[in-house]
N, C-alpha and C. Protein backbone atom coordinates (compact mmCIF):
# COMPACT_ATOMS: atom_id res chain seq x y z
N MET A 1 56.79 59.29 12.05
CA MET A 1 56.94 59.12 10.67
C MET A 1 58.37 59.07 10.35
N PRO A 2 59.00 58.10 9.45
CA PRO A 2 60.26 58.23 9.01
C PRO A 2 60.54 59.47 8.36
N LEU A 3 61.74 59.64 8.39
CA LEU A 3 62.32 61.08 7.71
C LEU A 3 62.42 60.72 5.85
N PRO A 4 61.90 61.42 5.12
CA PRO A 4 61.65 60.93 3.60
C PRO A 4 63.00 61.04 3.09
N PHE A 5 63.16 60.25 2.16
CA PHE A 5 64.57 60.26 1.47
C PHE A 5 65.04 61.72 0.95
N ARG A 6 64.29 62.30 0.45
CA ARG A 6 64.94 63.57 -0.16
C ARG A 6 65.06 64.66 1.01
N GLU A 7 64.45 64.44 2.26
CA GLU A 7 64.77 65.17 3.37
C GLU A 7 66.18 64.77 4.17
N ILE A 8 66.28 63.35 3.96
CA ILE A 8 67.55 62.92 4.28
C ILE A 8 68.93 63.57 3.48
N PHE A 9 68.54 63.53 2.26
CA PHE A 9 69.52 63.88 1.29
C PHE A 9 69.83 65.46 1.58
N THR A 10 68.71 66.32 1.70
CA THR A 10 69.10 67.63 2.26
C THR A 10 69.68 68.00 3.43
N ARG A 11 69.44 67.32 4.39
CA ARG A 11 70.08 67.38 5.78
C ARG A 11 71.51 67.03 5.58
N LEU A 12 71.92 65.75 4.93
CA LEU A 12 73.30 65.46 4.81
C LEU A 12 73.98 66.27 4.00
N GLU A 13 73.40 66.62 2.99
CA GLU A 13 74.22 67.69 1.94
C GLU A 13 74.44 68.81 2.89
N ALA A 14 73.72 69.32 3.85
CA ALA A 14 74.20 70.51 4.43
C ALA A 14 75.28 70.27 5.42
N ARG A 15 75.43 69.14 5.86
CA ARG A 15 76.15 69.11 7.28
C ARG A 15 77.43 68.12 6.97
N VAL A 16 77.72 67.37 5.72
CA VAL A 16 78.65 66.36 5.52
C VAL A 16 79.47 66.85 4.30
N PRO A 17 80.79 67.38 4.64
CA PRO A 17 81.70 67.61 3.40
C PRO A 17 82.04 66.25 2.56
N MET A 18 81.70 66.25 1.57
CA MET A 18 81.77 64.86 0.82
C MET A 18 83.08 64.91 -0.19
N GLU A 19 83.59 63.61 0.12
CA GLU A 19 84.82 63.30 -1.22
C GLU A 19 84.26 62.95 -2.40
N VAL A 20 85.29 62.51 -3.44
CA VAL A 20 84.73 62.24 -4.68
C VAL A 20 84.33 60.75 -4.58
N TRP A 21 82.83 60.56 -5.26
CA TRP A 21 82.45 59.31 -5.11
C TRP A 21 82.07 58.76 -6.56
N TRP A 22 81.99 57.90 -7.17
CA TRP A 22 83.22 56.80 -6.71
C TRP A 22 84.26 57.25 -7.43
N PRO A 23 85.61 56.96 -6.67
CA PRO A 23 86.87 57.38 -7.34
C PRO A 23 87.14 56.52 -8.25
N GLY A 24 87.77 56.53 -9.44
CA GLY A 24 88.23 55.80 -10.63
C GLY A 24 88.43 56.47 -12.03
N GLU A 25 89.38 56.13 -12.42
CA GLU A 25 89.60 56.87 -13.82
C GLU A 25 88.91 56.29 -14.96
N SER A 26 88.32 55.03 -14.80
CA SER A 26 87.54 54.59 -16.00
C SER A 26 86.60 53.67 -15.25
N ASP A 27 85.69 53.29 -16.16
CA ASP A 27 84.41 52.44 -15.69
C ASP A 27 84.95 50.98 -15.24
N PHE A 28 86.23 50.47 -15.88
CA PHE A 28 86.75 49.26 -15.24
C PHE A 28 87.38 49.30 -14.17
N GLU A 29 87.97 50.51 -13.65
CA GLU A 29 88.82 50.77 -12.64
C GLU A 29 87.83 50.78 -11.24
N ILE A 30 86.48 51.37 -11.57
CA ILE A 30 85.37 51.21 -10.59
C ILE A 30 84.92 50.08 -10.26
N MET A 31 85.00 49.33 -11.19
CA MET A 31 84.58 47.77 -11.27
C MET A 31 85.54 47.07 -10.54
N VAL A 32 86.77 47.19 -10.65
CA VAL A 32 87.81 46.34 -10.01
C VAL A 32 87.43 46.72 -8.27
N GLY A 33 87.46 48.12 -8.39
CA GLY A 33 87.43 48.51 -6.98
C GLY A 33 86.36 48.21 -6.09
N ALA A 34 85.11 47.84 -6.81
CA ALA A 34 83.90 47.31 -6.30
C ALA A 34 84.32 45.77 -5.58
N ILE A 35 84.99 45.17 -6.40
CA ILE A 35 85.26 43.82 -5.81
C ILE A 35 86.39 43.87 -4.72
N LEU A 36 87.37 44.72 -4.92
CA LEU A 36 88.47 44.48 -3.84
C LEU A 36 87.79 45.49 -2.65
N THR A 37 86.84 46.48 -2.62
CA THR A 37 86.57 47.03 -1.37
C THR A 37 85.80 46.01 -0.44
N GLN A 38 85.46 44.93 -0.96
CA GLN A 38 84.51 44.25 -0.23
C GLN A 38 85.24 43.85 0.95
N ASN A 39 84.81 43.92 2.32
CA ASN A 39 85.13 43.51 3.62
C ASN A 39 86.60 44.37 3.98
N THR A 40 86.96 45.56 3.25
CA THR A 40 87.94 45.97 3.67
C THR A 40 88.08 47.67 3.68
N ALA A 41 88.84 48.48 4.08
CA ALA A 41 88.77 49.81 3.99
C ALA A 41 89.40 50.26 2.60
N TRP A 42 88.98 51.43 2.08
CA TRP A 42 89.14 51.73 0.84
C TRP A 42 90.72 52.29 0.72
N THR A 43 91.47 52.56 1.82
CA THR A 43 92.70 52.85 1.60
C THR A 43 93.69 51.64 1.17
N ASN A 44 93.14 50.62 1.76
CA ASN A 44 93.90 49.18 1.49
C ASN A 44 93.46 49.17 -0.19
N VAL A 45 92.07 49.33 -0.53
CA VAL A 45 92.05 49.15 -2.03
C VAL A 45 93.14 49.86 -2.80
N GLU A 46 93.10 51.46 -2.48
CA GLU A 46 94.05 52.03 -3.17
C GLU A 46 95.37 51.45 -3.48
N TYR A 47 95.86 50.98 -2.48
CA TYR A 47 97.26 50.36 -2.67
C TYR A 47 97.05 49.11 -3.88
N ALA A 48 96.17 48.34 -3.53
CA ALA A 48 95.92 47.52 -4.77
C ALA A 48 95.82 47.71 -6.01
N LEU A 49 95.00 48.87 -6.42
CA LEU A 49 94.67 49.45 -7.70
C LEU A 49 96.00 50.20 -8.10
N ALA A 50 96.75 50.60 -7.19
CA ALA A 50 98.09 51.07 -7.62
C ALA A 50 99.01 50.11 -8.24
N ASN A 51 98.84 48.97 -7.58
CA ASN A 51 99.71 47.82 -7.94
C ASN A 51 99.27 47.27 -9.41
N LEU A 52 97.99 47.23 -9.62
CA LEU A 52 97.40 46.85 -10.84
C LEU A 52 97.95 47.72 -12.10
N LYS A 53 97.68 48.95 -11.68
CA LYS A 53 98.22 50.19 -12.47
C LYS A 53 99.70 49.94 -12.99
N SER A 54 100.35 50.00 -11.98
CA SER A 54 101.87 49.91 -12.30
C SER A 54 102.29 48.65 -13.21
N GLU A 55 101.38 47.51 -13.22
CA GLU A 55 101.68 46.26 -14.20
C GLU A 55 100.57 46.42 -15.53
N ASN A 56 100.20 47.69 -15.48
CA ASN A 56 99.24 47.89 -16.84
C ASN A 56 97.93 46.89 -17.01
N LEU A 57 97.43 46.56 -15.78
CA LEU A 57 96.58 45.27 -15.64
C LEU A 57 95.09 46.06 -15.77
N MET A 58 94.93 47.29 -15.85
CA MET A 58 93.48 48.11 -15.52
C MET A 58 92.63 47.82 -16.96
N ASP A 59 92.72 46.53 -17.42
CA ASP A 59 92.17 46.20 -18.72
C ASP A 59 91.38 44.69 -18.43
N PRO A 60 90.20 44.45 -18.80
CA PRO A 60 89.68 43.16 -18.53
C PRO A 60 90.39 41.77 -19.13
N GLN A 61 90.93 42.21 -20.53
CA GLN A 61 91.66 41.05 -21.02
C GLN A 61 92.96 40.83 -20.54
N ALA A 62 93.52 42.14 -20.43
CA ALA A 62 95.05 41.94 -19.47
C ALA A 62 94.98 41.27 -18.16
N LEU A 63 93.91 41.73 -17.28
CA LEU A 63 93.81 41.31 -16.10
C LEU A 63 93.41 39.67 -16.02
N LEU A 64 92.44 39.25 -16.99
CA LEU A 64 92.14 37.90 -17.12
C LEU A 64 93.42 36.80 -17.39
N ASP A 65 94.32 37.67 -18.48
CA ASP A 65 95.79 36.78 -18.82
C ASP A 65 96.81 36.94 -17.94
N CYS A 66 96.44 37.85 -16.74
CA CYS A 66 97.41 37.89 -15.71
C CYS A 66 97.20 36.26 -14.83
N SER A 67 98.62 35.78 -14.68
CA SER A 67 98.26 34.73 -13.87
C SER A 67 97.79 34.85 -12.39
N THR A 68 97.06 33.87 -11.75
CA THR A 68 96.36 34.11 -10.55
C THR A 68 97.13 34.37 -9.51
N GLU A 69 98.66 33.75 -9.53
CA GLU A 69 99.56 33.76 -8.66
C GLU A 69 100.32 35.35 -8.56
N GLN A 70 100.29 35.94 -9.72
CA GLN A 70 100.90 37.33 -9.69
C GLN A 70 99.57 38.13 -9.39
N LEU A 71 98.35 38.06 -9.69
CA LEU A 71 97.35 38.78 -9.21
C LEU A 71 97.21 39.11 -7.65
N VAL A 72 97.36 37.68 -7.17
CA VAL A 72 97.10 37.64 -5.71
C VAL A 72 97.94 38.65 -5.14
N GLU A 73 99.24 38.18 -5.45
CA GLU A 73 100.46 39.04 -4.81
C GLU A 73 99.91 40.98 -4.91
N LEU A 74 99.61 41.20 -6.19
CA LEU A 74 99.22 42.60 -6.49
C LEU A 74 98.03 43.04 -5.56
N ILE A 75 96.91 42.30 -5.42
CA ILE A 75 95.94 42.73 -4.53
C ILE A 75 96.01 42.46 -2.98
N ARG A 76 96.98 41.73 -2.80
CA ARG A 76 97.24 41.38 -1.21
C ARG A 76 96.81 42.49 -0.48
N PRO A 77 97.16 43.90 -0.41
CA PRO A 77 96.78 45.07 0.17
C PRO A 77 95.23 45.01 0.68
N ALA A 78 94.29 44.51 -0.24
CA ALA A 78 93.16 44.58 0.02
C ALA A 78 92.54 43.33 0.67
N GLY A 79 93.34 42.34 1.21
CA GLY A 79 92.68 41.21 1.76
C GLY A 79 91.83 40.46 0.87
N TYR A 80 91.84 39.14 1.87
CA TYR A 80 90.96 38.34 1.02
C TYR A 80 91.09 37.80 -0.42
N PHE A 81 92.68 38.05 -0.74
CA PHE A 81 93.44 38.15 -2.05
C PHE A 81 93.19 36.82 -2.75
N ASN A 82 93.01 35.65 -2.24
CA ASN A 82 92.79 34.63 -3.27
C ASN A 82 91.15 34.47 -3.63
N ALA A 83 90.40 34.71 -2.78
CA ALA A 83 88.95 34.72 -3.29
C ALA A 83 88.92 35.89 -4.22
N LYS A 84 89.27 37.24 -3.84
CA LYS A 84 89.05 38.36 -4.84
C LYS A 84 89.70 38.26 -6.02
N ALA A 85 91.09 37.48 -6.04
CA ALA A 85 91.55 37.22 -7.44
C ALA A 85 90.57 36.31 -8.26
N LYS A 86 90.09 35.24 -7.78
CA LYS A 86 88.94 34.73 -8.79
C LYS A 86 87.88 35.51 -8.85
N TYR A 87 87.44 36.48 -8.20
CA TYR A 87 86.10 37.27 -8.32
C TYR A 87 86.46 38.15 -9.37
N LEU A 88 87.75 38.54 -9.36
CA LEU A 88 88.30 39.69 -10.63
C LEU A 88 88.26 38.78 -11.96
N LYS A 89 88.78 37.74 -11.86
CA LYS A 89 88.56 37.07 -13.29
C LYS A 89 87.07 36.48 -13.55
N ASN A 90 86.43 36.25 -12.60
CA ASN A 90 85.13 35.96 -13.11
C ASN A 90 84.44 37.29 -13.50
N LEU A 91 84.70 38.61 -13.18
CA LEU A 91 84.18 39.85 -13.49
C LEU A 91 84.77 39.92 -14.74
N CYS A 92 85.93 39.75 -14.98
CA CYS A 92 86.53 40.22 -16.37
C CYS A 92 85.89 39.23 -17.56
N THR A 93 85.51 38.11 -16.95
CA THR A 93 85.19 37.07 -18.12
C THR A 93 83.67 37.66 -18.33
N TRP A 94 82.91 37.94 -17.55
CA TRP A 94 81.42 38.46 -17.88
C TRP A 94 81.50 39.96 -18.75
N VAL A 95 82.45 40.91 -18.11
CA VAL A 95 82.59 41.90 -19.03
C VAL A 95 82.82 41.80 -20.62
N LEU A 96 83.74 40.83 -20.67
CA LEU A 96 84.30 40.43 -22.35
C LEU A 96 82.98 39.95 -22.78
N ALA A 97 82.18 38.79 -22.28
CA ALA A 97 81.17 38.36 -22.81
C ALA A 97 79.87 39.00 -22.84
N ASN A 98 79.95 40.26 -22.26
CA ASN A 98 78.70 41.12 -22.42
C ASN A 98 78.84 42.37 -22.91
N PRO A 99 79.54 42.49 -23.89
CA PRO A 99 79.88 44.10 -24.59
C PRO A 99 78.75 45.25 -24.56
N ASN A 100 77.34 44.38 -24.70
CA ASN A 100 76.25 45.17 -24.69
C ASN A 100 75.52 45.46 -23.44
N ALA A 101 76.08 45.18 -22.44
CA ALA A 101 75.28 44.99 -21.10
C ALA A 101 74.56 46.40 -20.64
N ALA A 102 75.19 47.61 -21.00
CA ALA A 102 74.63 48.87 -21.12
C ALA A 102 73.25 49.11 -21.67
N ASP A 103 73.09 47.98 -22.43
CA ASP A 103 71.60 48.38 -23.15
C ASP A 103 70.52 47.78 -22.59
N LEU A 104 70.98 46.73 -21.55
CA LEU A 104 69.78 45.98 -20.76
C LEU A 104 69.27 46.84 -19.78
N PRO A 105 67.77 46.32 -19.42
CA PRO A 105 67.00 47.11 -18.65
C PRO A 105 67.78 46.81 -17.21
N THR A 106 67.31 47.54 -16.29
CA THR A 106 68.20 47.63 -14.99
C THR A 106 67.80 46.23 -14.06
N PRO A 107 66.62 45.78 -14.46
CA PRO A 107 66.35 44.39 -13.62
C PRO A 107 67.21 43.26 -14.39
N GLU A 108 67.18 43.40 -15.50
CA GLU A 108 67.96 42.40 -16.32
C GLU A 108 69.29 42.32 -15.96
N LEU A 109 69.81 43.49 -16.03
CA LEU A 109 71.45 44.10 -15.90
C LEU A 109 71.66 43.29 -14.50
N ARG A 110 70.80 43.88 -13.60
CA ARG A 110 71.26 43.36 -12.28
C ARG A 110 71.23 41.72 -11.72
N LYS A 111 70.42 41.04 -12.71
CA LYS A 111 70.21 39.66 -12.42
C LYS A 111 71.44 39.07 -13.04
N SER A 112 71.99 39.71 -14.39
CA SER A 112 73.28 39.25 -14.93
C SER A 112 74.37 39.34 -13.76
N LEU A 113 74.68 40.62 -13.41
CA LEU A 113 75.73 41.11 -12.58
C LEU A 113 75.70 39.92 -11.33
N LEU A 114 74.37 39.65 -10.92
CA LEU A 114 74.37 38.63 -9.81
C LEU A 114 74.74 37.20 -9.98
N SER A 115 74.73 37.05 -11.22
CA SER A 115 75.05 35.46 -11.85
C SER A 115 76.57 35.39 -11.67
N VAL A 116 77.48 36.46 -11.45
CA VAL A 116 79.05 36.34 -11.47
C VAL A 116 79.13 36.12 -9.89
N ALA A 117 80.19 34.96 -9.96
CA ALA A 117 80.58 34.63 -8.71
C ALA A 117 81.50 35.78 -8.02
N GLY A 118 81.20 36.19 -6.89
CA GLY A 118 81.92 37.23 -6.31
C GLY A 118 81.00 38.44 -6.54
N VAL A 119 80.36 38.59 -7.06
CA VAL A 119 79.49 39.94 -7.39
C VAL A 119 78.10 39.56 -6.46
N GLY A 120 77.89 40.11 -5.17
CA GLY A 120 76.69 40.28 -4.47
C GLY A 120 75.78 41.07 -4.63
N PRO A 121 74.65 41.41 -3.66
CA PRO A 121 73.52 42.58 -4.02
C PRO A 121 74.44 43.85 -3.94
N GLU A 122 75.06 44.17 -3.03
CA GLU A 122 75.86 45.60 -2.57
C GLU A 122 76.72 45.83 -3.78
N THR A 123 77.37 44.82 -3.93
CA THR A 123 78.27 45.00 -5.39
C THR A 123 77.79 45.38 -6.88
N ALA A 124 76.67 44.54 -6.79
CA ALA A 124 75.94 44.80 -8.12
C ALA A 124 75.41 46.07 -8.29
N ASP A 125 74.67 46.50 -7.14
CA ASP A 125 74.03 47.89 -7.08
C ASP A 125 75.33 49.18 -7.41
N ASP A 126 76.35 48.75 -6.48
CA ASP A 126 77.33 49.80 -6.85
C ASP A 126 78.10 49.92 -8.29
N LEU A 127 77.97 48.72 -8.98
CA LEU A 127 78.10 48.79 -10.56
C LEU A 127 76.67 49.47 -11.24
N LEU A 128 75.89 49.14 -10.88
CA LEU A 128 74.66 49.79 -11.44
C LEU A 128 74.64 51.23 -11.42
N LEU A 129 75.15 51.64 -10.54
CA LEU A 129 75.06 53.20 -9.96
C LEU A 129 76.12 53.81 -10.49
N TYR A 130 77.50 53.30 -10.26
CA TYR A 130 78.34 54.17 -10.97
C TYR A 130 79.09 53.62 -12.13
N VAL A 131 78.83 52.59 -12.90
CA VAL A 131 79.12 52.15 -14.20
C VAL A 131 78.30 52.44 -14.94
N TYR A 132 77.03 51.60 -14.82
CA TYR A 132 76.17 51.70 -15.77
C TYR A 132 74.86 52.96 -15.51
N GLN A 133 75.13 53.83 -14.71
CA GLN A 133 74.39 55.09 -14.46
C GLN A 133 72.82 54.67 -14.19
N ARG A 134 72.61 53.93 -13.42
CA ARG A 134 71.12 53.45 -13.32
C ARG A 134 71.28 54.11 -11.78
N PRO A 135 69.80 54.94 -11.51
CA PRO A 135 69.55 55.40 -9.94
C PRO A 135 69.16 54.73 -9.04
N VAL A 136 70.18 53.85 -8.43
CA VAL A 136 69.55 52.65 -7.33
C VAL A 136 70.23 53.12 -6.29
N PHE A 137 69.64 52.88 -4.94
CA PHE A 137 69.88 53.54 -3.93
C PHE A 137 70.70 52.22 -3.27
N ILE A 138 71.85 52.48 -2.45
CA ILE A 138 73.06 51.37 -2.04
C ILE A 138 72.53 51.37 -0.52
N PHE A 139 72.01 50.12 -0.18
CA PHE A 139 71.75 49.91 1.04
C PHE A 139 72.80 49.06 1.95
N ASP A 140 73.94 49.80 2.09
CA ASP A 140 75.04 49.31 2.44
C ASP A 140 74.64 49.30 4.06
N THR A 141 75.88 48.76 5.08
CA THR A 141 75.78 49.04 6.27
C THR A 141 75.66 50.46 6.80
N TYR A 142 76.37 51.34 6.50
CA TYR A 142 76.17 52.78 6.64
C TYR A 142 74.73 53.33 6.53
N ALA A 143 74.30 52.98 5.20
CA ALA A 143 72.72 53.22 5.06
C ALA A 143 71.79 52.50 6.01
N ARG A 144 71.95 51.45 6.22
CA ARG A 144 70.71 50.75 7.10
C ARG A 144 71.08 51.16 8.54
N ARG A 145 72.12 51.56 8.80
CA ARG A 145 72.18 52.21 10.10
C ARG A 145 71.57 53.81 10.22
N MET A 146 71.85 54.35 8.97
CA MET A 146 71.15 55.63 9.00
C MET A 146 69.81 55.73 8.74
N LEU A 147 69.34 54.82 8.19
CA LEU A 147 67.78 54.68 7.95
C LEU A 147 67.08 54.44 9.25
N GLU A 148 67.85 53.41 10.08
CA GLU A 148 67.15 53.24 11.53
C GLU A 148 67.23 54.43 12.06
N ALA A 149 68.08 55.36 12.13
CA ALA A 149 68.07 56.52 12.86
C ALA A 149 66.96 57.62 12.26
N ALA A 150 66.71 57.25 11.04
CA ALA A 150 66.00 58.18 10.41
C ALA A 150 64.37 57.44 10.37
N GLY A 151 64.23 56.42 11.31
CA GLY A 151 62.74 56.02 11.72
C GLY A 151 62.39 54.96 11.08
N TYR A 152 63.18 54.16 9.98
CA TYR A 152 62.83 53.21 9.36
C TYR A 152 62.98 51.84 10.09
N ASP A 153 61.82 50.97 9.69
CA ASP A 153 62.37 49.59 10.33
C ASP A 153 63.07 48.73 9.29
N VAL A 154 64.39 48.56 9.62
CA VAL A 154 65.26 48.22 8.62
C VAL A 154 65.60 46.77 8.78
N PRO A 155 65.37 45.85 8.08
CA PRO A 155 66.05 44.71 7.92
C PRO A 155 67.47 44.48 8.07
N LYS A 156 67.84 43.37 8.68
CA LYS A 156 69.32 43.43 8.89
C LYS A 156 70.21 43.07 7.80
N SER A 157 69.77 42.41 6.69
CA SER A 157 70.51 41.95 5.47
C SER A 157 70.37 43.30 4.40
N TYR A 158 71.13 43.23 3.55
CA TYR A 158 71.21 44.12 2.43
C TYR A 158 70.08 43.88 1.48
N GLU A 159 69.98 42.70 1.21
CA GLU A 159 68.78 42.67 0.08
C GLU A 159 67.40 42.47 0.78
N GLY A 160 67.27 42.37 2.15
CA GLY A 160 66.44 42.44 2.78
C GLY A 160 65.70 43.87 3.05
N ALA A 161 66.86 44.59 3.30
CA ALA A 161 66.40 46.38 3.37
C ALA A 161 66.18 46.84 2.08
N ARG A 162 66.90 46.30 0.98
CA ARG A 162 66.56 46.78 -0.32
C ARG A 162 65.01 46.48 -0.99
N GLN A 163 64.69 45.27 -0.64
CA GLN A 163 63.27 44.86 -0.74
C GLN A 163 62.14 45.46 -0.26
N ALA A 164 62.49 45.94 1.08
CA ALA A 164 61.57 46.48 2.06
C ALA A 164 61.51 48.02 1.87
N LEU A 165 62.83 48.56 1.46
CA LEU A 165 62.69 49.99 1.43
C LEU A 165 62.93 50.81 0.13
N GLN A 166 63.22 49.94 -0.82
CA GLN A 166 63.34 50.68 -2.15
C GLN A 166 62.25 51.45 -2.37
N HIS A 167 61.01 51.43 -2.42
CA HIS A 167 60.13 52.12 -2.82
C HIS A 167 60.01 53.54 -2.28
N HIS A 168 60.77 53.78 -1.09
CA HIS A 168 60.80 55.13 -0.36
C HIS A 168 61.83 55.74 -0.99
N ALA A 169 62.79 55.14 -1.58
CA ALA A 169 63.90 55.81 -2.26
C ALA A 169 63.24 56.10 -3.81
N ASP A 170 62.57 55.31 -4.35
CA ASP A 170 61.93 55.63 -5.54
C ASP A 170 61.11 56.93 -5.26
N LEU A 171 60.11 56.98 -4.39
CA LEU A 171 59.28 58.28 -4.08
C LEU A 171 60.29 59.45 -3.91
N ALA A 172 61.40 59.49 -3.68
CA ALA A 172 62.25 60.74 -3.88
C ALA A 172 62.68 61.23 -5.19
N GLY A 173 62.48 60.22 -6.06
CA GLY A 173 62.64 60.67 -7.48
C GLY A 173 64.03 61.24 -7.82
N PHE A 174 65.15 60.47 -7.40
CA PHE A 174 66.56 60.65 -7.28
C PHE A 174 66.86 60.49 -8.71
N ASP A 175 67.70 61.34 -9.33
CA ASP A 175 68.38 61.01 -10.78
C ASP A 175 69.69 60.23 -10.40
N THR A 176 70.45 59.78 -11.39
CA THR A 176 71.86 59.27 -11.20
C THR A 176 72.71 59.89 -10.16
N ALA A 177 72.99 61.06 -10.63
CA ALA A 177 73.91 62.03 -10.09
C ALA A 177 73.61 62.18 -8.65
N GLN A 178 72.31 62.53 -8.07
CA GLN A 178 71.78 62.56 -7.00
C GLN A 178 72.11 61.20 -6.04
N GLN A 179 71.76 60.04 -6.65
CA GLN A 179 71.97 58.97 -5.97
C GLN A 179 73.23 58.67 -5.65
N ALA A 180 74.43 58.84 -6.66
CA ALA A 180 75.66 58.80 -6.48
C ALA A 180 76.16 59.97 -5.37
N LYS A 181 75.76 60.87 -5.29
CA LYS A 181 76.07 61.80 -4.20
C LYS A 181 75.68 61.41 -2.77
N LEU A 182 74.48 60.77 -2.65
CA LEU A 182 73.67 60.57 -1.85
C LEU A 182 74.61 59.26 -0.77
N HIS A 183 74.76 58.45 -1.92
CA HIS A 183 75.78 57.28 -1.33
C HIS A 183 76.87 57.70 -0.78
N GLY A 184 77.59 58.75 -1.28
CA GLY A 184 79.03 59.35 -0.87
C GLY A 184 78.46 60.00 0.43
N LEU A 185 77.46 60.80 0.52
CA LEU A 185 77.05 61.70 1.81
C LEU A 185 77.09 60.59 2.97
N ILE A 186 76.20 59.35 2.60
CA ILE A 186 75.90 58.56 3.60
C ILE A 186 77.51 57.71 4.15
N VAL A 187 78.17 57.55 3.31
CA VAL A 187 79.40 56.81 3.81
C VAL A 187 80.41 57.60 4.45
N ASP A 188 80.50 58.66 4.04
CA ASP A 188 81.44 59.92 4.69
C ASP A 188 80.55 60.25 5.98
N GLY A 189 79.12 60.36 5.89
CA GLY A 189 78.40 60.66 7.26
C GLY A 189 78.64 59.53 8.29
N GLY A 190 78.44 58.34 7.66
CA GLY A 190 78.65 57.25 8.55
C GLY A 190 80.00 57.22 9.23
N LYS A 191 81.27 57.74 8.88
CA LYS A 191 82.42 57.74 9.44
C LYS A 191 82.29 59.16 10.45
N ARG A 192 81.41 59.99 10.10
CA ARG A 192 81.33 61.13 11.27
C ARG A 192 80.41 60.61 12.40
N ALA A 193 79.42 59.74 11.96
CA ALA A 193 78.43 59.38 12.88
C ALA A 193 79.13 58.48 13.93
N ARG A 194 80.31 57.89 13.78
CA ARG A 194 80.88 57.23 14.94
C ARG A 194 81.40 58.20 16.15
N THR A 195 81.30 59.45 15.70
CA THR A 195 81.54 60.46 17.12
C THR A 195 80.52 61.38 17.49
N GLU A 196 79.96 61.63 16.41
CA GLU A 196 78.78 62.53 16.36
C GLU A 196 77.37 61.89 16.64
N GLY A 197 77.10 60.75 15.84
CA GLY A 197 75.78 59.96 15.88
C GLY A 197 75.10 60.50 14.88
N TRP A 198 74.20 59.64 14.35
CA TRP A 198 73.31 59.93 13.09
C TRP A 198 72.25 60.83 13.45
N GLN A 199 71.67 60.71 14.79
CA GLN A 199 70.75 61.66 15.27
C GLN A 199 70.98 63.13 14.98
N ASP A 200 72.51 63.29 15.32
CA ASP A 200 72.96 64.76 14.97
C ASP A 200 72.83 65.36 13.62
N LEU A 201 73.33 64.33 12.71
CA LEU A 201 73.59 64.35 11.27
C LEU A 201 72.27 64.75 10.70
N LEU A 202 71.23 63.89 11.15
CA LEU A 202 69.83 64.06 10.63
C LEU A 202 68.84 64.92 11.20
N ALA A 203 69.58 65.59 12.36
CA ALA A 203 68.46 66.81 12.94
C ALA A 203 67.91 67.82 11.96
N PRO A 204 66.93 68.52 12.25
CA PRO A 204 66.52 69.55 11.66
C PRO A 204 67.42 70.34 11.22
N LEU A 205 67.39 70.90 10.06
CA LEU A 205 68.19 72.22 9.80
C LEU A 205 67.54 73.46 10.27
N PRO A 206 68.27 74.67 10.72
CA PRO A 206 67.63 75.73 11.57
C PRO A 206 67.03 76.51 10.42
């Protein structure tokens, strides 16, 4: 039998010292970070965020007004800077055009976020959880590896895993704060699992 999500939470909470998730001084900074962290380490994102802050660009209108050339240079530490500059401007356009997005039901809000070029399923769910306070599970690479170790049959893709396993997360009845903490535990646990292995982190508690 696969390990229930609630038990996964309990065991990881007991074993994994967790950092702050998601780091950000504002909802918009979290949004920017969610774009910048695609295919790169968070340490690289921090350099890019610091550059944007130094130019007072942590605002959707200011960032949208910034020239693409300048934006590319500022976010260069995060990699894929040409594509991410476009994605950030796309997201800013969406934010400004949807001031009442927080009032939308979660499925409708997710669909709207996914309509933004540069916002894929994982980024959309990051934003749902950490910006719009919706209790969604993040089926990122760490989580999919963890769920395999927990005994689940996990599809390879993000969206495939979400569609196949979301009901298990729903059964756990996590609120938004618990989902946010669980994601942090899985990310930090995934780093430790490189040496300890997920099986050790998910072993029964004494």
